[in-house]
Amino acid sequence: MLLRRIPQFLRKSMASAKDIQRFKEATRLVYGPLENITEESATTWTPPDNPGAGGHRGRYLWTDAFGVVNFITLAKETSSPVYLTLAERLVSTVHDVLGRTRDGTARLPLATDAEPLKGGLRIGKMEAHGSDCDGQYHHYLTLWMFALNRLAIATGEIEYNQQAIQLAKAIHHHFVRRKPGGGALGMVWKVSTDLETVLVPSEGHLDAATGFVVCRLLQRTAEQLGGDPRVLEEEIGDYRRLAMREGKLKASFDPLDLGMGLWMAHFFRDETWAATLGGQSLETALVVLDGGRGVMAQSAARRLAFREFGMCLGLKCWGVDGELRSRLQAVIDFWQEFVEDATDEDLRPITVVMYAAALVPGAFVDGFLGE
């Protein structure tokens, strides 16, 4: 890995010094002290198992996807190339841990040295068996594809976007399936680590829509970086048909679903489906954030901070002002004192990385990297 200068388009700061400091402190809680890492030492940095991302062997796919994007945000906000190298090192470690069997001795079935992501990526659950066992989630995989896409744009290295495309193609027909007896096309929520067995047959609310959006982003970047402009056409077509079914694209009162819906819709906000979902979601957010009956009216014990941070991230990506912006800031401020002292060790890493992204969405925002 070569040392690099920070790309010119990553130089402009977009956040307050106070928020950047909080962002750095949150990142440290998951990935350890980073202040003294040099450009040279960054090339051999290994993300820690402890504190780590909270999953099997210290890696958890959703948390580390946020970690990669957050490192890219820090690269821009601090004008430091070190953070891009740390993002690359985190990607390499995730592929080496979650792209292999739990004992680490072999790649996942279907993967090869030439195509290391052809077997997908494990979730990183702590248990191999049981009701909450390891396996593969579609919504985690698409978020990882997005992180690879952001890294390709930030570094100018098309390889990362190609890896994301490889992953998208590899998992598609394992999650997008026809119902038994040649029925209608549908999706499943969770499959086994080897991609062969359906573990949860229900369909995630936003899985098809997020697949539709992320694959289009990968296609757009492929074209911009000199690749095939029609790559992923089959996958995009399937996701489009599934996402645009009657009643599928609607705002959710679940904070995380609400936020992630806004996040993925903001990339294509001028399209009718996205504009409609965005408008409905803003109206729903007013209810969810109502001080008398929304989340702020409940005690902390009845809430999950990371889900609310997802809502705040989506609102900031879409763009809000006035009363709604004040309400989302109140949510972030409310949880500030809980972030470092979170009592649930299992949820601390995911909570912390999503807190950082809610503070400074950065590379989650369309156009942030000048694409």
Protein backbone atom coordinates (compact mmCIF):
# COMPACT_ATOMS: atom_id res chain seq x y z
CA MET A 1 0.00 0.00 0.00
CA LEU A 2 1.50 3.30 -1.06
CA LEU A 3 1.52 6.40 1.06
CA ARG A 4 -0.60 9.10 -0.51
CA ARG A 5 -1.42 12.76 -0.30
CA ILE A 6 -4.94 13.69 0.63
CA PRO A 7 -6.93 14.22 -2.59
CA GLN A 8 -7.68 17.87 -3.25
CA PHE A 9 -11.45 17.32 -3.25
CA LEU A 10 -11.25 15.95 0.30
CA ARG A 11 -9.84 19.12 1.83
CA LYS A 12 -12.81 21.31 2.72
CA SER A 13 -14.04 21.06 6.31
CA MET A 14 -17.81 20.76 6.74
CA ALA A 15 -18.33 20.45 10.50
CA SER A 16 -17.68 22.35 13.71
CA ALA A 17 -14.47 21.73 15.67
CA LYS A 18 -16.57 20.54 18.63
CA ASP A 19 -18.38 17.91 16.57
CA ILE A 20 -15.15 16.74 14.94
CA GLN A 21 -13.59 16.27 18.38
CA ARG A 22 -16.60 14.25 19.55
CA PHE A 23 -16.42 12.28 16.31
CA LYS A 24 -12.76 11.43 16.97
CA GLU A 25 -13.48 10.43 20.56
CA ALA A 26 -16.27 8.11 19.43
CA THR A 27 -14.00 6.52 16.82
CA ARG A 28 -11.34 5.94 19.48
CA LEU A 29 -13.82 4.00 21.64
CA VAL A 30 -14.17 1.37 18.91
CA TYR A 31 -10.86 1.43 17.05
CA GLY A 32 -8.44 2.46 19.78
CA PRO A 33 -6.12 5.49 20.06
CA LEU A 34 -5.31 6.92 16.62
CA GLU A 35 -3.68 10.24 17.49
CA ASN A 36 -0.07 9.10 17.10
CA ILE A 37 -0.48 6.97 13.98
CA THR A 38 1.72 8.25 11.15
CA GLU A 39 1.28 7.76 7.42
CA GLU A 40 3.89 5.03 7.55
CA SER A 41 2.60 3.20 10.62
CA ALA A 42 -0.95 3.38 9.29
CA THR A 43 0.04 0.95 6.53
CA THR A 44 0.56 -1.81 9.12
CA TRP A 45 -2.27 -0.85 11.50
CA THR A 46 -4.65 -3.64 12.47
CA PRO A 47 -8.06 -2.78 13.93
CA PRO A 48 -8.23 -4.11 17.48
CA ASP A 49 -10.23 -7.11 18.64
CA ASN A 50 -10.85 -5.22 21.88
CA PRO A 51 -12.51 -2.75 22.01
CA GLY A 52 -13.19 -3.75 18.37
CA ALA A 53 -16.50 -3.75 16.51
CA GLY A 54 -18.15 -6.05 19.01
CA GLY A 55 -18.55 -9.17 16.89
CA HIS A 56 -16.86 -12.52 16.32
CA ARG A 57 -13.08 -12.08 16.47
CA GLY A 58 -13.67 -8.37 16.99
CA ARG A 59 -15.47 -7.76 13.70
CA TYR A 60 -19.15 -6.98 13.04
CA LEU A 61 -20.11 -6.10 9.47
CA TRP A 62 -22.60 -3.28 10.12
CA THR A 63 -20.37 -1.58 12.70
CA ASP A 64 -17.25 -1.83 10.54
CA ALA A 65 -19.13 -0.53 7.48
CA PHE A 66 -19.87 2.60 9.51
CA GLY A 67 -16.23 2.56 10.62
CA VAL A 68 -14.96 2.65 7.03
CA VAL A 69 -17.26 5.50 6.02
CA ASN A 70 -16.43 7.40 9.22
CA PHE A 71 -12.70 7.11 8.52
CA ILE A 72 -13.33 8.59 5.06
CA THR A 73 -15.26 11.43 6.69
CA LEU A 74 -12.33 12.08 9.02
CA ALA A 75 -9.92 12.12 6.08
CA LYS A 76 -11.85 15.03 4.60
CA GLU A 77 -12.61 16.88 7.80
CA THR A 78 -9.00 16.75 9.03
CA SER A 79 -7.24 16.82 5.62
CA SER A 80 -5.25 13.78 6.77
CA PRO A 81 -4.46 10.87 4.42
CA VAL A 82 -3.83 8.66 7.44
CA TYR A 83 -7.56 8.03 7.82
CA LEU A 84 -7.90 6.79 4.24
CA THR A 85 -5.16 4.27 4.91
CA LEU A 86 -6.92 3.20 8.13
CA ALA A 87 -10.14 2.72 6.12
CA GLU A 88 -8.26 0.49 3.69
CA ARG A 89 -6.73 -1.50 6.53
CA LEU A 90 -10.14 -1.98 8.12
CA VAL A 91 -11.55 -3.24 4.81
CA SER A 92 -8.68 -5.70 4.43
CA THR A 93 -9.21 -7.02 7.98
CA VAL A 94 -12.96 -7.42 7.56
CA HIS A 95 -12.47 -9.36 4.34
CA ASP A 96 -9.86 -11.55 6.04
CA VAL A 97 -12.06 -12.28 9.08
CA LEU A 98 -15.68 -12.16 7.88
CA GLY A 99 -14.83 -13.44 4.41
CA ARG A 100 -13.54 -16.65 5.99
CA THR A 101 -14.98 -19.47 8.05
CA ARG A 102 -15.26 -18.88 11.77
CA ASP A 103 -12.01 -20.74 12.51
CA GLY A 104 -10.22 -18.58 9.92
CA THR A 105 -8.71 -21.54 8.08
CA ALA A 106 -10.54 -21.19 4.76
CA ARG A 107 -12.43 -18.73 2.62
CA LEU A 108 -16.21 -18.98 2.71
CA PRO A 109 -17.66 -21.56 0.31
CA LEU A 110 -17.94 -20.22 -3.27
CA ALA A 111 -15.13 -17.69 -2.69
CA THR A 112 -11.74 -18.03 -4.38
CA ASP A 113 -8.41 -16.23 -4.21
CA ALA A 114 -9.33 -14.48 -7.48
CA GLU A 115 -12.85 -13.62 -6.22
CA PRO A 116 -12.60 -13.40 -2.42
CA LEU A 117 -16.07 -11.89 -1.94
CA LYS A 118 -17.88 -14.41 -4.10
CA GLY A 119 -18.90 -16.23 -0.91
CA GLY A 120 -20.31 -13.09 0.71
CA LEU A 121 -19.36 -11.87 4.19
CA ARG A 122 -20.43 -13.18 7.57
CA ILE A 123 -22.45 -10.95 9.90
CA GLY A 124 -20.01 -11.50 12.75
CA LYS A 125 -22.50 -12.87 15.28
CA MET A 126 -20.88 -14.38 18.35
CA GLU A 127 -22.71 -17.73 18.13
CA ALA A 128 -22.33 -20.26 15.33
CA HIS A 129 -25.75 -21.82 15.99
CA GLY A 130 -29.06 -20.89 17.56
CA SER A 131 -31.77 -18.29 17.12
CA ASP A 132 -29.29 -15.41 16.79
CA CYS A 133 -26.51 -17.27 15.01
CA ASP A 134 -23.98 -16.11 12.47
CA GLY A 135 -24.99 -15.99 8.83
CA GLN A 136 -25.46 -13.30 6.21
CA TYR A 137 -27.86 -10.32 6.19
CA HIS A 138 -28.75 -8.55 2.96
CA HIS A 139 -28.95 -5.11 4.56
CA TYR A 140 -25.50 -5.51 6.13
CA LEU A 141 -24.01 -6.62 2.82
CA THR A 142 -25.44 -3.67 0.90
CA LEU A 143 -24.11 -1.28 3.53
CA TRP A 144 -20.66 -2.85 3.11
CA MET A 145 -20.96 -2.41 -0.67
CA PHE A 146 -21.69 1.26 -0.04
CA ALA A 147 -18.61 1.57 2.19
CA LEU A 148 -16.44 0.03 -0.54
CA ASN A 149 -17.96 2.41 -3.07
CA ARG A 150 -17.14 5.44 -0.89
CA LEU A 151 -13.58 4.19 -0.50
CA ALA A 152 -13.21 3.79 -4.27
CA ILE A 153 -14.31 7.38 -4.79
CA ALA A 154 -12.17 8.76 -1.95
CA THR A 155 -9.00 6.98 -3.06
CA GLY A 156 -9.58 6.84 -6.80
CA GLU A 157 -8.93 3.09 -6.62
CA ILE A 158 -11.51 1.33 -8.83
CA GLU A 159 -10.63 -1.99 -7.18
CA TYR A 160 -12.87 -1.22 -4.20
CA ASN A 161 -15.89 -0.56 -6.40
CA GLN A 162 -15.12 -3.76 -8.31
CA GLN A 163 -15.07 -5.66 -5.02
CA ALA A 164 -18.49 -4.23 -4.17
CA ILE A 165 -19.81 -5.29 -7.58
CA GLN A 166 -18.36 -8.77 -7.08
CA LEU A 167 -20.19 -8.99 -3.75
CA ALA A 168 -23.46 -7.68 -5.22
CA LYS A 169 -23.44 -10.30 -7.97
CA ALA A 170 -22.41 -13.09 -5.61
CA ILE A 171 -25.24 -12.68 -3.11
CA HIS A 172 -28.08 -11.58 -5.36
CA HIS A 173 -29.73 -14.89 -6.22
CA HIS A 174 -29.31 -16.17 -2.69
CA PHE A 175 -31.49 -13.37 -1.31
CA VAL A 176 -33.71 -12.62 -4.32
CA ARG A 177 -35.71 -15.78 -4.91
CA ARG A 178 -38.95 -16.96 -6.43
CA LYS A 179 -41.45 -18.30 -3.95
CA PRO A 180 -41.91 -22.10 -3.88
CA GLY A 181 -43.67 -23.55 -6.90
CA GLY A 182 -42.40 -20.90 -9.31
CA GLY A 183 -44.25 -18.10 -7.56
CA ALA A 184 -43.59 -14.38 -7.53
CA LEU A 185 -40.14 -12.93 -7.05
CA GLY A 186 -39.38 -12.05 -3.44
CA MET A 187 -36.56 -11.61 -0.94
CA VAL A 188 -35.40 -13.29 2.23
CA TRP A 189 -33.94 -11.60 5.30
CA LYS A 190 -31.14 -13.92 6.41
CA VAL A 191 -29.25 -16.85 4.92
CA SER A 192 -26.63 -19.21 6.30
CA THR A 193 -22.92 -18.45 6.25
CA ASP A 194 -22.49 -20.62 3.13
CA LEU A 195 -25.39 -18.74 1.43
CA GLU A 196 -27.28 -21.98 0.81
CA THR A 197 -29.95 -22.14 3.54
CA VAL A 198 -32.64 -19.57 4.23
CA LEU A 199 -32.63 -18.82 7.97
CA VAL A 200 -35.26 -16.05 8.04
CA PRO A 201 -37.69 -16.15 5.09
CA SER A 202 -39.42 -12.83 5.75
CA GLU A 203 -38.53 -9.79 3.66
CA GLY A 204 -36.82 -6.73 5.10
CA HIS A 205 -38.82 -3.54 4.70
CA LEU A 206 -36.09 -1.66 2.83
CA ASP A 207 -33.91 -4.49 1.52
CA ALA A 208 -35.06 -4.25 -2.09
CA ALA A 209 -35.00 -0.45 -2.16
CA THR A 210 -31.54 -0.28 -0.63
CA GLY A 211 -30.27 -2.90 -3.08
CA PHE A 212 -31.76 -0.81 -5.91
CA VAL A 213 -30.02 2.35 -4.71
CA VAL A 214 -26.64 0.87 -3.80
CA CYS A 215 -26.33 -1.09 -7.04
CA ARG A 216 -27.09 2.06 -9.01
CA LEU A 217 -24.36 3.88 -7.09
CA LEU A 218 -21.92 1.09 -7.90
CA GLN A 219 -22.93 1.28 -11.54
CA ARG A 220 -22.51 5.05 -11.60
CA THR A 221 -19.04 4.86 -10.07
CA ALA A 222 -18.01 2.07 -12.44
CA GLU A 223 -18.85 4.32 -15.37
CA GLN A 224 -17.08 7.33 -13.82
CA LEU A 225 -13.92 5.30 -13.21
CA GLY A 226 -13.87 3.81 -16.70
CA GLY A 227 -15.70 0.54 -16.08
CA ASP A 228 -18.77 -1.10 -17.60
CA PRO A 229 -21.70 1.39 -17.52
CA ARG A 230 -24.23 -1.46 -17.70
CA VAL A 231 -22.82 -3.57 -14.90
CA LEU A 232 -25.45 -4.90 -12.45
CA GLU A 233 -28.33 -4.27 -14.90
CA GLU A 234 -29.98 -7.59 -14.02
CA GLU A 235 -29.69 -7.00 -10.29
CA ILE A 236 -30.96 -3.42 -10.56
CA GLY A 237 -33.94 -4.61 -12.59
CA ASP A 238 -34.89 -7.20 -9.98
CA TYR A 239 -34.56 -4.72 -7.13
CA ARG A 240 -36.58 -2.14 -9.02
CA ARG A 241 -39.47 -4.55 -9.54
CA LEU A 242 -39.42 -5.58 -5.90
CA ALA A 243 -39.01 -2.11 -4.43
CA MET A 244 -41.74 -0.50 -6.53
CA ARG A 245 -44.45 -2.99 -5.62
CA GLU A 246 -47.64 -1.46 -4.33
CA GLY A 247 -47.29 -0.42 -0.68
CA LYS A 248 -43.60 -1.32 -0.33
CA LEU A 249 -42.04 2.14 -0.27
CA LYS A 250 -43.59 3.86 2.69
CA ALA A 251 -42.29 5.76 5.69
CA SER A 252 -41.75 3.77 8.87
CA PHE A 253 -42.35 4.79 12.46
CA ASP A 254 -39.35 2.71 13.49
CA PRO A 255 -36.54 5.29 13.93
CA LEU A 256 -33.83 3.26 12.19
CA ASP A 257 -36.03 2.29 9.23
CA LEU A 258 -37.20 5.89 8.96
CA GLY A 259 -33.64 7.19 8.86
CA MET A 260 -32.22 4.59 6.51
CA GLY A 261 -35.15 5.15 4.16
CA LEU A 262 -34.33 8.85 4.00
CA TRP A 263 -30.63 8.09 3.59
CA MET A 264 -31.02 5.80 0.59
CA ALA A 265 -33.74 7.99 -1.00
CA HIS A 266 -31.64 11.16 -0.86
CA PHE A 267 -29.28 9.84 -3.55
CA PHE A 268 -32.10 10.03 -6.10
CA ARG A 269 -34.27 12.70 -4.49
CA ASP A 270 -35.42 14.06 -7.88
CA GLU A 271 -37.07 10.78 -8.81
CA THR A 272 -40.76 10.47 -7.99
CA TRP A 273 -40.45 7.45 -5.71
CA ALA A 274 -37.69 9.08 -3.64
CA ALA A 275 -39.38 12.46 -3.42
CA THR A 276 -42.60 10.80 -2.27
CA LEU A 277 -40.85 8.65 0.33
CA GLY A 278 -38.83 11.65 1.51
CA GLY A 279 -41.92 13.81 1.98
CA GLN A 280 -43.78 11.08 3.84
CA SER A 281 -40.75 10.39 6.02
CA LEU A 282 -40.40 14.03 7.06
CA GLU A 283 -44.05 14.06 8.14
CA THR A 284 -43.51 10.83 10.06
CA ALA A 285 -40.38 12.23 11.69
CA LEU A 286 -42.40 15.09 13.15
CA VAL A 287 -44.52 12.50 14.94
CA VAL A 288 -41.60 10.29 16.01
CA LEU A 289 -39.77 13.33 17.37
CA ASP A 290 -42.80 14.90 19.02
CA GLY A 291 -41.83 15.78 22.58
CA GLY A 292 -45.17 14.75 24.03
CA ARG A 293 -45.72 11.38 22.34
CA GLY A 294 -42.57 10.49 20.38
CA VAL A 295 -39.29 8.88 21.37
CA MET A 296 -38.26 11.79 23.59
CA ALA A 297 -41.31 11.18 25.77
CA GLN A 298 -39.98 7.72 26.67
CA SER A 299 -37.32 6.80 29.19
CA ALA A 300 -33.84 5.83 27.98
CA ALA A 301 -34.43 2.28 29.22
CA ARG A 302 -37.19 1.80 26.63
CA ARG A 303 -35.16 3.15 23.70
CA LEU A 304 -32.21 2.02 21.59
CA ALA A 305 -29.76 4.82 20.91
CA PHE A 306 -28.30 3.37 17.72
CA ARG A 307 -31.73 3.19 16.08
CA GLU A 308 -32.33 6.85 16.88
CA PHE A 309 -28.88 7.79 15.57
CA GLY A 310 -29.85 6.11 12.30
CA MET A 311 -32.90 8.35 12.16
CA CYS A 312 -30.78 11.45 12.79
CA LEU A 313 -28.30 10.41 10.10
CA GLY A 314 -31.06 10.01 7.52
CA LEU A 315 -32.63 13.35 8.38
CA LYS A 316 -29.29 15.13 8.04
CA CYS A 317 -28.56 13.41 4.71
CA TRP A 318 -31.96 14.45 3.36
CA GLY A 319 -31.58 17.93 4.81
CA VAL A 320 -33.88 19.52 7.37
CA ASP A 321 -34.04 22.84 9.17
CA GLY A 322 -36.15 24.71 11.67
CA GLU A 323 -38.14 22.72 14.22
CA LEU A 324 -37.26 19.32 12.82
CA ARG A 325 -33.53 20.01 12.95
CA SER A 326 -33.87 21.23 16.55
CA ARG A 327 -35.69 18.04 17.49
CA LEU A 328 -33.10 15.72 15.94
CA GLN A 329 -30.32 17.67 17.65
CA ALA A 330 -32.15 17.18 20.93
CA VAL A 331 -31.99 13.42 20.37
CA ILE A 332 -28.22 13.52 19.76
CA ASP A 333 -27.70 15.74 22.81
CA PHE A 334 -29.86 13.47 24.96
CA TRP A 335 -27.72 10.42 24.18
CA GLN A 336 -24.37 12.21 24.44
CA GLU A 337 -23.87 11.35 28.11
CA PHE A 338 -24.80 7.70 27.49
CA VAL A 339 -22.37 7.06 24.62
CA GLU A 340 -19.19 6.44 26.60
CA ASP A 341 -20.96 4.92 29.59
CA ALA A 342 -23.27 2.56 27.71
CA THR A 343 -23.89 -0.41 29.98
CA ASP A 344 -24.72 -2.86 27.18
CA GLU A 345 -21.28 -3.99 26.02
CA ASP A 346 -22.74 -5.79 23.00
CA LEU A 347 -24.41 -2.64 21.66
CA ARG A 348 -21.68 -0.13 22.54
CA PRO A 349 -19.65 -0.39 19.30
CA ILE A 350 -22.65 -0.09 16.96
CA THR A 351 -24.04 2.74 19.08
CA VAL A 352 -20.77 4.66 19.06
CA VAL A 353 -20.09 4.49 15.31
CA MET A 354 -23.66 5.50 14.52
CA TYR A 355 -23.44 8.34 17.02
CA ALA A 356 -20.39 9.64 15.15
CA ALA A 357 -22.20 9.44 11.81
CA ALA A 358 -25.23 11.21 13.26
CA LEU A 359 -22.94 14.01 14.47
CA VAL A 360 -21.16 14.37 11.12
CA PRO A 361 -22.78 12.38 8.26
CA GLY A 362 -19.85 13.24 5.99
CA ALA A 363 -19.22 10.52 3.42
CA PHE A 364 -22.77 9.15 3.88
CA VAL A 365 -24.03 12.26 2.07
CA ASP A 366 -24.33 12.29 -1.72
CA GLY A 367 -21.77 14.66 -3.24
CA PHE A 368 -19.63 14.90 -0.12
CA LEU A 369 -16.68 13.37 -1.97
CA GLY A 370 -17.16 15.50 -5.07
CA GLU A 371 -18.55 12.67 -7.18
